[in-house]
């Protein structure tokens, strides 16, 4: 076989053999590129067979919390929004000790 590249359409098997001997990087890139379209069809089925599931969809908006049927954006709702655990008890003046040194 001479060093002149064979034309693909006149003898495809001879051209492929020449390409693998003379230009293996190009030949293997064509093989890997040709595997792409069949894998687009086959891989989702293989993934599901192995138990891989699609991730949940990303929400398009943040869900607004609705608590006890009240509208959280109502101004009257703001006064009840502070929980009792965070509220400070009233302190008298006798309980306040000033440490002045």
Protein backbone atom coordinates (compact mmCIF):
# COMPACT_ATOMS: atom_id res chain seq x y z
CA UNK A 1 0.00 0.00 0.00
CA UNK A 2 1.45 3.35 -0.99
CA UNK A 3 1.65 6.46 1.16
CA UNK A 4 -1.01 8.16 -0.96
CA UNK A 5 -4.31 8.22 0.93
CA UNK A 6 -7.06 6.17 -0.61
CA UNK A 7 -10.34 7.86 -1.38
CA UNK A 8 -13.09 6.89 0.98
CA UNK A 9 -15.95 6.35 -1.45
CA UNK A 10 -14.07 4.14 -3.92
CA UNK A 11 -12.93 1.65 -1.25
CA UNK A 12 -14.10 2.50 2.29
CA UNK A 13 -12.57 -0.50 4.10
CA UNK A 14 -9.18 0.08 2.52
CA UNK A 15 -9.35 3.78 3.46
CA UNK A 16 -10.25 2.95 7.08
CA UNK A 17 -7.35 0.49 7.31
CA UNK A 18 -5.00 3.10 5.85
CA UNK A 19 -6.31 5.76 8.26
CA UNK A 20 -5.78 3.54 11.32
CA UNK A 21 -2.18 2.87 10.27
CA UNK A 22 -1.19 6.33 9.09
CA UNK A 23 -3.40 8.69 11.12
CA UNK A 24 -4.68 6.86 14.21
CA UNK A 25 -5.76 10.00 16.09
CA UNK A 26 -8.09 11.03 13.28
CA UNK A 27 -9.42 7.47 12.87
CA UNK A 28 -10.16 7.02 16.58
CA UNK A 29 -11.79 10.46 16.79
CA UNK A 30 -14.12 9.40 13.98
CA UNK A 31 -14.95 6.17 15.86
CA UNK A 32 -15.69 8.04 19.10
CA UNK A 33 -17.68 10.69 17.23
CA UNK A 34 -19.73 8.01 15.51
CA UNK A 35 -20.61 6.48 18.87
CA UNK A 36 -22.32 9.70 20.03
CA UNK A 37 -25.72 9.47 18.32
CA UNK A 38 -26.41 5.83 19.33
CA UNK A 39 -25.38 6.59 22.92
CA UNK A 40 -27.89 9.45 23.10
CA UNK A 41 -30.62 6.87 22.61
CA UNK A 42 -29.15 4.02 24.70
CA UNK A 43 -27.67 5.72 27.79
CA UNK A 44 -30.91 6.87 29.46
CA UNK A 45 -32.20 3.29 29.43
CA UNK A 46 -28.90 1.97 30.82
CA UNK A 47 -28.89 4.63 33.57
CA UNK A 48 -32.41 3.70 34.69
CA UNK A 49 -31.53 0.00 34.65
CA UNK A 50 -28.71 0.70 37.13
CA UNK A 51 -31.06 2.72 39.37
CA UNK A 52 -29.95 6.24 38.49
CA UNK A 53 -32.89 8.63 38.53
CA UNK A 54 -33.29 12.09 37.08
CA UNK A 55 -32.78 14.87 39.65
CA UNK A 56 -35.86 16.83 40.76
CA UNK A 57 -36.64 19.94 38.77
CA UNK A 58 -35.27 23.23 40.02
CA UNK A 59 -38.12 25.48 41.24
CA UNK A 60 -38.68 28.62 39.21
CA UNK A 61 -39.73 30.70 42.24
CA UNK A 62 -39.32 30.57 45.99
CA UNK A 63 -42.48 29.23 47.65
CA UNK A 64 -44.05 31.75 50.02
CA UNK A 65 -44.79 30.26 53.47
CA UNK A 66 -48.46 30.22 54.38
CA UNK A 67 -48.90 29.67 58.12
CA UNK A 68 -52.30 29.03 59.71
CA UNK A 69 -54.14 30.43 56.72
CA UNK A 70 -52.77 33.95 57.27
CA UNK A 71 -51.18 36.07 54.60
CA UNK A 72 -47.49 36.55 55.55
CA UNK A 73 -47.35 39.79 53.56
CA UNK A 74 -50.17 41.40 55.55
CA UNK A 75 -48.89 44.22 57.87
CA UNK A 76 -51.19 43.03 60.67
CA UNK A 77 -49.35 39.70 60.63
CA UNK A 78 -46.00 41.31 61.53
CA UNK A 79 -46.85 41.98 65.17
CA UNK A 80 -47.44 38.28 65.82
CA UNK A 81 -44.38 37.15 63.90
CA UNK A 82 -41.95 37.23 66.87
CA UNK A 83 -42.00 33.94 68.77
CA UNK A 84 -42.28 33.99 72.55
CA UNK A 85 -38.91 32.30 72.98
CA UNK A 86 -37.10 35.25 71.46
CA UNK A 87 -39.03 37.92 73.40
CA UNK A 88 -37.17 39.28 76.43
CA UNK A 89 -38.96 39.41 79.80
CA UNK A 90 -39.49 42.87 81.32
CA UNK A 91 -36.70 44.00 83.64
CA UNK A 92 -37.17 46.36 86.60
CA UNK A 93 -34.63 48.96 87.70
CA UNK A 94 -33.84 47.03 90.88
CA UNK A 95 -32.67 44.08 88.81
CA UNK A 96 -30.17 46.19 86.88
CA UNK A 97 -26.81 46.35 88.62
CA UNK A 98 -24.24 48.82 87.43
CA UNK A 99 -20.66 47.70 87.81
CA UNK A 100 -18.69 50.92 87.80
CA UNK A 101 -15.05 50.58 88.72
